[in-house]
Amino acid sequence: MKLMKNLLILSLATVMFIATACEDEKAETPPESATISGTITFSGDWPTTGTVYLSVQNTWYPLDAPYATTTISESDVTANA
């Protein structure tokens, strides 16, 4: 009888441990779309040759090609005098 009692206690303790170890929280789903806004500050003179690009990465540390890219011309930049 003592063996049955000990096995029952051990079984219940094991079930309680396993039940409390399980995580019930659901992972948050990332938004399907979002908006990023801000100010880009350039310093120095505008380059005389070449193209100035602005690119967006969807992950950080960027290992692949940019998610989106656009070119910036000198007329797109306003002087902050």
PDB file of N, CA and C in Angstrom:
ATOM      1  N   MET A   1       0.830  -1.198   0.000  1.00  0.00           N
ATOM      2  CA  MET A   1       0.000   0.000   0.000  1.00  0.00           C
ATOM      3  C   MET A   1       0.870   1.256   0.000  1.00  0.00           C
ATOM      4  N   LYS A   2       1.983   1.213   0.756  1.00  0.00           N
ATOM      5  CA  LYS A   2       2.868   2.366   0.815  1.00  0.00           C
ATOM      6  C   LYS A   2       3.507   2.619  -0.550  1.00  0.00           C
ATOM      7  N   LEU A   3       3.828   1.535  -1.274  1.00  0.00           N
ATOM      8  CA  LEU A   3       4.399   1.666  -2.611  1.00  0.00           C
ATOM      9  C   LEU A   3       3.411   2.350  -3.556  1.00  0.00           C
ATOM     10  N   MET A   4       2.150   1.976  -3.493  1.00  0.00           N
ATOM     11  CA  MET A   4       1.114   2.595  -4.341  1.00  0.00           C
ATOM     12  C   MET A   4       0.967   4.080  -4.022  1.00  0.00           C
ATOM     13  N   LYS A   5       1.005   4.402  -2.741  1.00  0.00           N
ATOM     14  CA  LYS A   5       0.873   5.799  -2.332  1.00  0.00           C
ATOM     15  C   LYS A   5       2.054   6.619  -2.848  1.00  0.00           C
ATOM     16  N   ASN A   6       3.257   6.084  -2.728  1.00  0.00           N
ATOM     17  CA  ASN A   6       4.442   6.792  -3.219  1.00  0.00           C
ATOM     18  C   ASN A   6       4.413   6.955  -4.740  1.00  0.00           C
ATOM     19  N   LEU A   7       3.999   5.920  -5.457  1.00  0.00           N
ATOM     20  CA  LEU A   7       3.894   6.009  -6.917  1.00  0.00           C
ATOM     21  C   LEU A   7       2.839   7.030  -7.337  1.00  0.00           C
ATOM     22  N   LEU A   8       1.728   7.073  -6.617  1.00  0.00           N
ATOM     23  CA  LEU A   8       0.676   8.043  -6.920  1.00  0.00           C
ATOM     24  C   LEU A   8       1.172   9.463  -6.690  1.00  0.00           C
ATOM     25  N   ILE A   9       1.858   9.695  -5.591  1.00  0.00           N
ATOM     26  CA  ILE A   9       2.398  11.029  -5.300  1.00  0.00           C
ATOM     27  C   ILE A   9       3.438  11.417  -6.342  1.00  0.00           C
ATOM     28  N   LEU A  10       4.310  10.491  -6.699  1.00  0.00           N
ATOM     29  CA  LEU A  10       5.323  10.756  -7.716  1.00  0.00           C
ATOM     30  C   LEU A  10       4.680  11.047  -9.072  1.00  0.00           C
ATOM     31  N   SER A  11       3.655  10.292  -9.427  1.00  0.00           N
ATOM     32  CA  SER A  11       2.956  10.516 -10.700  1.00  0.00           C
ATOM     33  C   SER A  11       2.280  11.882 -10.727  1.00  0.00           C
ATOM     34  N   LEU A  12       1.602  12.242  -9.656  1.00  0.00           N
ATOM     35  CA  LEU A  12       0.931  13.539  -9.596  1.00  0.00           C
ATOM     36  C   LEU A  12       1.942  14.680  -9.631  1.00  0.00           C
ATOM     37  N   ALA A  13       3.053  14.519  -8.936  1.00  0.00           N
ATOM     38  CA  ALA A  13       4.084  15.560  -8.945  1.00  0.00           C
ATOM     39  C   ALA A  13       4.668  15.723 -10.343  1.00  0.00           C
ATOM     40  N   THR A  14       4.874  14.617 -11.040  1.00  0.00           N
ATOM     41  CA  THR A  14       5.402  14.680 -12.406  1.00  0.00           C
ATOM     42  C   THR A  14       4.420  15.371 -13.339  1.00  0.00           C
ATOM     43  N   VAL A  15       3.153  15.034 -13.244  1.00  0.00           N
ATOM     44  CA  VAL A  15       2.132  15.668 -14.086  1.00  0.00           C
ATOM     45  C   VAL A  15       2.049  17.158 -13.788  1.00  0.00           C
ATOM     46  N   MET A  16       2.098  17.540 -12.522  1.00  0.00           N
ATOM     47  CA  MET A  16       2.035  18.960 -12.168  1.00  0.00           C
ATOM     48  C   MET A  16       3.257  19.703 -12.701  1.00  0.00           C
ATOM     49  N   PHE A  17       4.428  19.086 -12.625  1.00  0.00           N
ATOM     50  CA  PHE A  17       5.643  19.721 -13.136  1.00  0.00           C
ATOM     51  C   PHE A  17       5.552  19.920 -14.645  1.00  0.00           C
ATOM     52  N   ILE A  18       5.117  18.914 -15.363  1.00  0.00           N
ATOM     53  CA  ILE A  18       5.012  19.012 -16.825  1.00  0.00           C
ATOM     54  C   ILE A  18       3.951  20.031 -17.217  1.00  0.00           C
ATOM     55  N   ALA A  19       2.830  20.053 -16.516  1.00  0.00           N
ATOM     56  CA  ALA A  19       1.749  20.982 -16.850  1.00  0.00           C
ATOM     57  C   ALA A  19       2.156  22.430 -16.609  1.00  0.00           C
ATOM     58  N   THR A  20       2.916  22.692 -15.564  1.00  0.00           N
ATOM     59  CA  THR A  20       3.325  24.072 -15.296  1.00  0.00           C
ATOM     60  C   THR A  20       4.498  24.492 -16.167  1.00  0.00           C
ATOM     61  N   ALA A  21       5.225  23.547 -16.720  1.00  0.00           N
ATOM     62  CA  ALA A  21       6.364  23.876 -17.577  1.00  0.00           C
ATOM     63  C   ALA A  21       5.927  24.270 -18.981  1.00  0.00           C
ATOM     64  N   CYS A  22       4.732  23.897 -19.383  1.00  0.00           N
ATOM     65  CA  CYS A  22       4.246  24.234 -20.726  1.00  0.00           C
ATOM     66  C   CYS A  22       3.914  25.719 -20.789  1.00  0.00           C
ATOM     67  N   GLU A  23       4.258  26.347 -21.893  1.00  0.00           N
ATOM     68  CA  GLU A  23       4.000  27.773 -22.066  1.00  0.00           C
ATOM     69  C   GLU A  23       2.676  27.963 -22.794  1.00  0.00           C
ATOM     70  N   ASP A  24       1.785  28.742 -22.192  1.00  0.00           N
ATOM     71  CA  ASP A  24       0.475  28.963 -22.781  1.00  0.00           C
ATOM     72  C   ASP A  24       0.408  30.217 -23.637  1.00  0.00           C
ATOM     73  N   GLU A  25       1.402  31.094 -23.522  1.00  0.00           N
ATOM     74  CA  GLU A  25       1.355  32.355 -24.255  1.00  0.00           C
ATOM     75  C   GLU A  25       1.547  32.116 -25.748  1.00  0.00           C
ATOM     76  N   LYS A  26       0.729  32.804 -26.530  1.00  0.00           N
ATOM     77  CA  LYS A  26       0.880  32.726 -27.982  1.00  0.00           C
ATOM     78  C   LYS A  26       1.866  33.796 -28.422  1.00  0.00           C
ATOM     79  N   ALA A  27       2.657  33.480 -29.413  1.00  0.00           N
ATOM     80  CA  ALA A  27       3.617  34.452 -29.939  1.00  0.00           C
ATOM     81  C   ALA A  27       2.865  35.563 -30.663  1.00  0.00           C
ATOM     82  N   GLU A  28       3.348  36.780 -30.502  1.00  0.00           N
ATOM     83  CA  GLU A  28       2.725  37.902 -31.184  1.00  0.00           C
ATOM     84  C   GLU A  28       3.019  37.818 -32.672  1.00  0.00           C
ATOM     85  N   THR A  29       1.999  38.052 -33.472  1.00  0.00           N
ATOM     86  CA  THR A  29       2.210  38.050 -34.913  1.00  0.00           C
ATOM     87  C   THR A  29       2.657  39.443 -35.332  1.00  0.00           C
ATOM     88  N   PRO A  30       3.670  39.526 -36.171  1.00  0.00           N
ATOM     89  CA  PRO A  30       4.141  40.842 -36.604  1.00  0.00           C
ATOM     90  C   PRO A  30       3.097  41.522 -37.493  1.00  0.00           C
ATOM     91  N   PRO A  31       3.070  42.842 -37.505  1.00  0.00           N
ATOM     92  CA  PRO A  31       2.111  43.544 -38.353  1.00  0.00           C
ATOM     93  C   PRO A  31       2.404  43.281 -39.825  1.00  0.00           C
ATOM     94  N   GLU A  32       1.338  43.288 -40.634  1.00  0.00           N
ATOM     95  CA  GLU A  32       1.512  43.056 -42.062  1.00  0.00           C
ATOM     96  C   GLU A  32       2.042  44.290 -42.770  1.00  0.00           C
ATOM     97  N   SER A  33       1.791  45.440 -42.208  1.00  0.00           N
ATOM     98  CA  SER A  33       2.321  46.665 -42.800  1.00  0.00           C
ATOM     99  C   SER A  33       2.590  47.664 -41.685  1.00  0.00           C
ATOM    100  N   ALA A  34       3.461  48.602 -41.993  1.00  0.00           N
ATOM    101  CA  ALA A  34       3.815  49.614 -41.006  1.00  0.00           C
ATOM    102  C   ALA A  34       4.320  50.846 -41.738  1.00  0.00           C
ATOM    103  N   THR A  35       4.516  51.908 -41.010  1.00  0.00           N
ATOM    104  CA  THR A  35       5.025  53.150 -41.575  1.00  0.00           C
ATOM    105  C   THR A  35       6.281  53.547 -40.823  1.00  0.00           C
ATOM    106  N   ILE A  36       7.292  53.913 -41.581  1.00  0.00           N
ATOM    107  CA  ILE A  36       8.524  54.421 -40.999  1.00  0.00           C
ATOM    108  C   ILE A  36       8.667  55.863 -41.444  1.00  0.00           C
ATOM    109  N   SER A  37       8.944  56.741 -40.512  1.00  0.00           N
ATOM    110  CA  SER A  37       9.157  58.137 -40.877  1.00  0.00           C
ATOM    111  C   SER A  37      10.331  58.671 -40.070  1.00  0.00           C
ATOM    112  N   GLY A  38      10.936  59.713 -40.583  1.00  0.00           N
ATOM    113  CA  GLY A  38      12.067  60.291 -39.879  1.00  0.00           C
ATOM    114  C   GLY A  38      12.774  61.301 -40.747  1.00  0.00           C
ATOM    115  N   THR A  39      13.915  61.732 -40.283  1.00  0.00           N
ATOM    116  CA  THR A  39      14.721  62.720 -40.991  1.00  0.00           C
ATOM    117  C   THR A  39      16.096  62.133 -41.241  1.00  0.00           C
ATOM    118  N   ILE A  40      16.580  62.303 -42.449  1.00  0.00           N
ATOM    119  CA  ILE A  40      17.929  61.875 -42.802  1.00  0.00           C
ATOM    120  C   ILE A  40      18.786  63.121 -42.888  1.00  0.00           C
ATOM    121  N   THR A  41      19.894  63.126 -42.184  1.00  0.00           N
ATOM    122  CA  THR A  41      20.782  64.279 -42.175  1.00  0.00           C
ATOM    123  C   THR A  41      22.034  63.950 -42.973  1.00  0.00           C
ATOM    124  N   PHE A  42      22.289  64.762 -43.994  1.00  0.00           N
ATOM    125  CA  PHE A  42      23.498  64.636 -44.796  1.00  0.00           C
ATOM    126  C   PHE A  42      24.484  65.701 -44.344  1.00  0.00           C
ATOM    127  N   SER A  43      25.754  65.372 -44.373  1.00  0.00           N
ATOM    128  CA  SER A  43      26.762  66.375 -44.050  1.00  0.00           C
ATOM    129  C   SER A  43      27.803  66.387 -45.158  1.00  0.00           C
ATOM    130  N   GLY A  44      28.403  67.533 -45.352  1.00  0.00           N
ATOM    131  CA  GLY A  44      29.416  67.667 -46.401  1.00  0.00           C
ATOM    132  C   GLY A  44      28.801  68.115 -47.715  1.00  0.00           C
ATOM    133  N   ASP A  45      29.626  68.125 -48.745  1.00  0.00           N
ATOM    134  CA  ASP A  45      29.181  68.563 -50.068  1.00  0.00           C
ATOM    135  C   ASP A  45      28.519  67.412 -50.812  1.00  0.00           C
ATOM    136  N   TRP A  46      27.631  67.804 -51.728  1.00  0.00           N
ATOM    137  CA  TRP A  46      26.975  66.804 -52.568  1.00  0.00           C
ATOM    138  C   TRP A  46      28.017  66.227 -53.529  1.00  0.00           C
ATOM    139  N   PRO A  47      28.027  64.906 -53.753  1.00  0.00           N
ATOM    140  CA  PRO A  47      29.044  64.328 -54.632  1.00  0.00           C
ATOM    141  C   PRO A  47      28.908  64.833 -56.067  1.00  0.00           C
ATOM    142  N   THR A  48      30.044  65.094 -56.704  1.00  0.00           N
ATOM    143  CA  THR A  48      30.023  65.601 -58.082  1.00  0.00           C
ATOM    144  C   THR A  48      29.791  64.481 -59.082  1.00  0.00           C
ATOM    145  N   THR A  49      30.134  63.258 -58.734  1.00  0.00           N
ATOM    146  CA  THR A  49      29.895  62.118 -59.626  1.00  0.00           C
ATOM    147  C   THR A  49      29.218  61.002 -58.848  1.00  0.00           C
ATOM    148  N   GLY A  50      28.584  60.123 -59.573  1.00  0.00           N
ATOM    149  CA  GLY A  50      27.930  58.978 -58.948  1.00  0.00           C
ATOM    150  C   GLY A  50      26.500  59.287 -58.546  1.00  0.00           C
ATOM    151  N   THR A  51      25.845  58.304 -57.987  1.00  0.00           N
ATOM    152  CA  THR A  51      24.447  58.398 -57.589  1.00  0.00           C
ATOM    153  C   THR A  51      24.346  58.182 -56.083  1.00  0.00           C
ATOM    154  N   VAL A  52      23.456  58.929 -55.456  1.00  0.00           N
ATOM    155  CA  VAL A  52      23.202  58.759 -54.026  1.00  0.00           C
ATOM    156  C   VAL A  52      21.955  57.884 -53.886  1.00  0.00           C
ATOM    157  N   TYR A  53      22.096  56.791 -53.147  1.00  0.00           N
ATOM    158  CA  TYR A  53      21.000  55.846 -52.956  1.00  0.00           C
ATOM    159  C   TYR A  53      20.509  55.877 -51.518  1.00  0.00           C
ATOM    160  N   LEU A  54      19.230  55.614 -51.358  1.00  0.00           N
ATOM    161  CA  LEU A  54      18.628  55.392 -50.048  1.00  0.00           C
ATOM    162  C   LEU A  54      18.028  53.997 -50.108  1.00  0.00           C
ATOM    163  N   SER A  55      18.416  53.141 -49.173  1.00  0.00           N
ATOM    164  CA  SER A  55      17.909  51.769 -49.194  1.00  0.00           C
ATOM    165  C   SER A  55      17.324  51.404 -47.837  1.00  0.00           C
ATOM    166  N   VAL A  56      16.411  50.445 -47.856  1.00  0.00           N
ATOM    167  CA  VAL A  56      15.742  49.970 -46.651  1.00  0.00           C
ATOM    168  C   VAL A  56      15.987  48.469 -46.538  1.00  0.00           C
ATOM    169  N   GLN A  57      16.389  48.041 -45.358  1.00  0.00           N
ATOM    170  CA  GLN A  57      16.576  46.614 -45.079  1.00  0.00           C
ATOM    171  C   GLN A  57      15.413  46.150 -44.212  1.00  0.00           C
ATOM    172  N   ASN A  58      14.900  44.953 -44.447  1.00  0.00           N
ATOM    173  CA  ASN A  58      13.815  44.458 -43.599  1.00  0.00           C
ATOM    174  C   ASN A  58      14.328  43.606 -42.443  1.00  0.00           C
ATOM    175  N   THR A  59      15.625  43.340 -42.409  1.00  0.00           N
ATOM    176  CA  THR A  59      16.235  42.658 -41.265  1.00  0.00           C
ATOM    177  C   THR A  59      17.562  43.328 -40.950  1.00  0.00           C
ATOM    178  N   TRP A  60      17.983  43.190 -39.722  1.00  0.00           N
ATOM    179  CA  TRP A  60      19.295  43.722 -39.349  1.00  0.00           C
ATOM    180  C   TRP A  60      20.078  42.583 -38.734  1.00  0.00           C
ATOM    181  N   TYR A  61      21.078  42.363 -39.099  1.00  0.00           N
ATOM    182  CA  TYR A  61      22.232  42.716 -39.861  1.00  0.00           C
ATOM    183  C   TYR A  61      21.971  42.378 -41.326  1.00  0.00           C
ATOM    184  N   PRO A  62      22.100  43.380 -42.232  1.00  0.00           N
ATOM    185  CA  PRO A  62      21.767  43.141 -43.642  1.00  0.00           C
ATOM    186  C   PRO A  62      22.745  42.165 -44.292  1.00  0.00           C
ATOM    187  N   LEU A  63      22.221  41.042 -44.724  1.00  0.00           N
ATOM    188  CA  LEU A  63      23.041  40.035 -45.386  1.00  0.00           C
ATOM    189  C   LEU A  63      22.719  39.923 -46.869  1.00  0.00           C
ATOM    190  N   ASP A  64      21.546  40.358 -47.260  1.00  0.00           N
ATOM    191  CA  ASP A  64      21.106  40.235 -48.646  1.00  0.00           C
ATOM    192  C   ASP A  64      20.927  41.615 -49.257  1.00  0.00           C
ATOM    193  N   ALA A  65      20.381  41.622 -50.455  1.00  0.00           N
ATOM    194  CA  ALA A  65      20.090  42.881 -51.139  1.00  0.00           C
ATOM    195  C   ALA A  65      19.044  43.664 -50.349  1.00  0.00           C
ATOM    196  N   PRO A  66      19.020  44.987 -50.494  1.00  0.00           N
ATOM    197  CA  PRO A  66      18.031  45.799 -49.776  1.00  0.00           C
ATOM    198  C   PRO A  66      16.601  45.417 -50.144  1.00  0.00           C
ATOM    199  N   TYR A  67      15.693  45.630 -49.200  1.00  0.00           N
ATOM    200  CA  TYR A  67      14.271  45.379 -49.428  1.00  0.00           C
ATOM    201  C   TYR A  67      13.716  46.376 -50.437  1.00  0.00           C
ATOM    202  N   ALA A  68      14.144  47.632 -50.346  1.00  0.00           N
ATOM    203  CA  ALA A  68      13.702  48.683 -51.270  1.00  0.00           C
ATOM    204  C   ALA A  68      14.836  49.686 -51.435  1.00  0.00           C
ATOM    205  N   THR A  69      14.916  50.276 -52.617  1.00  0.00           N
ATOM    206  CA  THR A  69      15.967  51.244 -52.922  1.00  0.00           C
ATOM    207  C   THR A  69      15.380  52.374 -53.748  1.00  0.00           C
ATOM    208  N   THR A  70      15.863  53.580 -53.512  1.00  0.00           N
ATOM    209  CA  THR A  70      15.489  54.731 -54.329  1.00  0.00           C
ATOM    210  C   THR A  70      16.717  55.625 -54.466  1.00  0.00           C
ATOM    211  N   THR A  71      16.722  56.429 -55.512  1.00  0.00           N
ATOM    212  CA  THR A  71      17.825  57.373 -55.690  1.00  0.00           C
ATOM    213  C   THR A  71      17.400  58.738 -55.173  1.00  0.00           C
ATOM    214  N   ILE A  72      18.369  59.508 -54.731  1.00  0.00           N
ATOM    215  CA  ILE A  72      18.117  60.856 -54.229  1.00  0.00           C
ATOM    216  C   ILE A  72      18.919  61.817 -55.091  1.00  0.00           C
ATOM    217  N   SER A  73      18.232  62.827 -55.591  1.00  0.00           N
ATOM    218  CA  SER A  73      18.930  63.860 -56.356  1.00  0.00           C
ATOM    219  C   SER A  73      19.149  65.079 -55.464  1.00  0.00           C
ATOM    220  N   GLU A  74      20.004  65.959 -55.898  1.00  0.00           N
ATOM    221  CA  GLU A  74      20.311  67.149 -55.101  1.00  0.00           C
ATOM    222  C   GLU A  74      19.076  68.019 -54.907  1.00  0.00           C
ATOM    223  N   SER A  75      18.142  67.980 -55.861  1.00  0.00           N
ATOM    224  CA  SER A  75      16.922  68.784 -55.729  1.00  0.00           C
ATOM    225  C   SER A  75      15.984  68.228 -54.654  1.00  0.00           C
ATOM    226  N   ASP A  76      16.167  66.959 -54.256  1.00  0.00           N
ATOM    227  CA  ASP A  76      15.350  66.371 -53.189  1.00  0.00           C
ATOM    228  C   ASP A  76      15.780  66.832 -51.800  1.00  0.00           C
ATOM    229  N   VAL A  77      16.976  67.397 -51.698  1.00  0.00           N
ATOM    230  CA  VAL A  77      17.544  67.781 -50.410  1.00  0.00           C
ATOM    231  C   VAL A  77      17.323  69.272 -50.192  1.00  0.00           C
ATOM    232  N   THR A  78      16.858  69.631 -48.997  1.00  0.00           N
ATOM    233  CA  THR A  78      16.683  71.043 -48.672  1.00  0.00           C
ATOM    234  C   THR A  78      17.819  71.487 -47.772  1.00  0.00           C
ATOM    235  N   ALA A  79      18.314  72.679 -48.020  1.00  0.00           N
ATOM    236  CA  ALA A  79      19.398  73.230 -47.203  1.00  0.00           C
ATOM    237  C   ALA A  79      18.832  73.670 -45.866  1.00  0.00           C
ATOM    238  N   ASN A  80      19.522  73.366 -44.821  1.00  0.00           N
ATOM    239  CA  ASN A  80      19.095  73.748 -43.478  1.00  0.00           C
ATOM    240  C   ASN A  80      19.964  74.919 -43.023  1.00  0.00           C
ATOM    241  N   ALA A  81      19.717  76.075 -43.615  1.00  0.00           N
ATOM    242  CA  ALA A  81      20.562  77.241 -43.347  1.00  0.00           C
ATOM    243  C   ALA A  81      20.106  78.005 -42.143  1.00  0.00           C
TER     244      ALA A  81
END
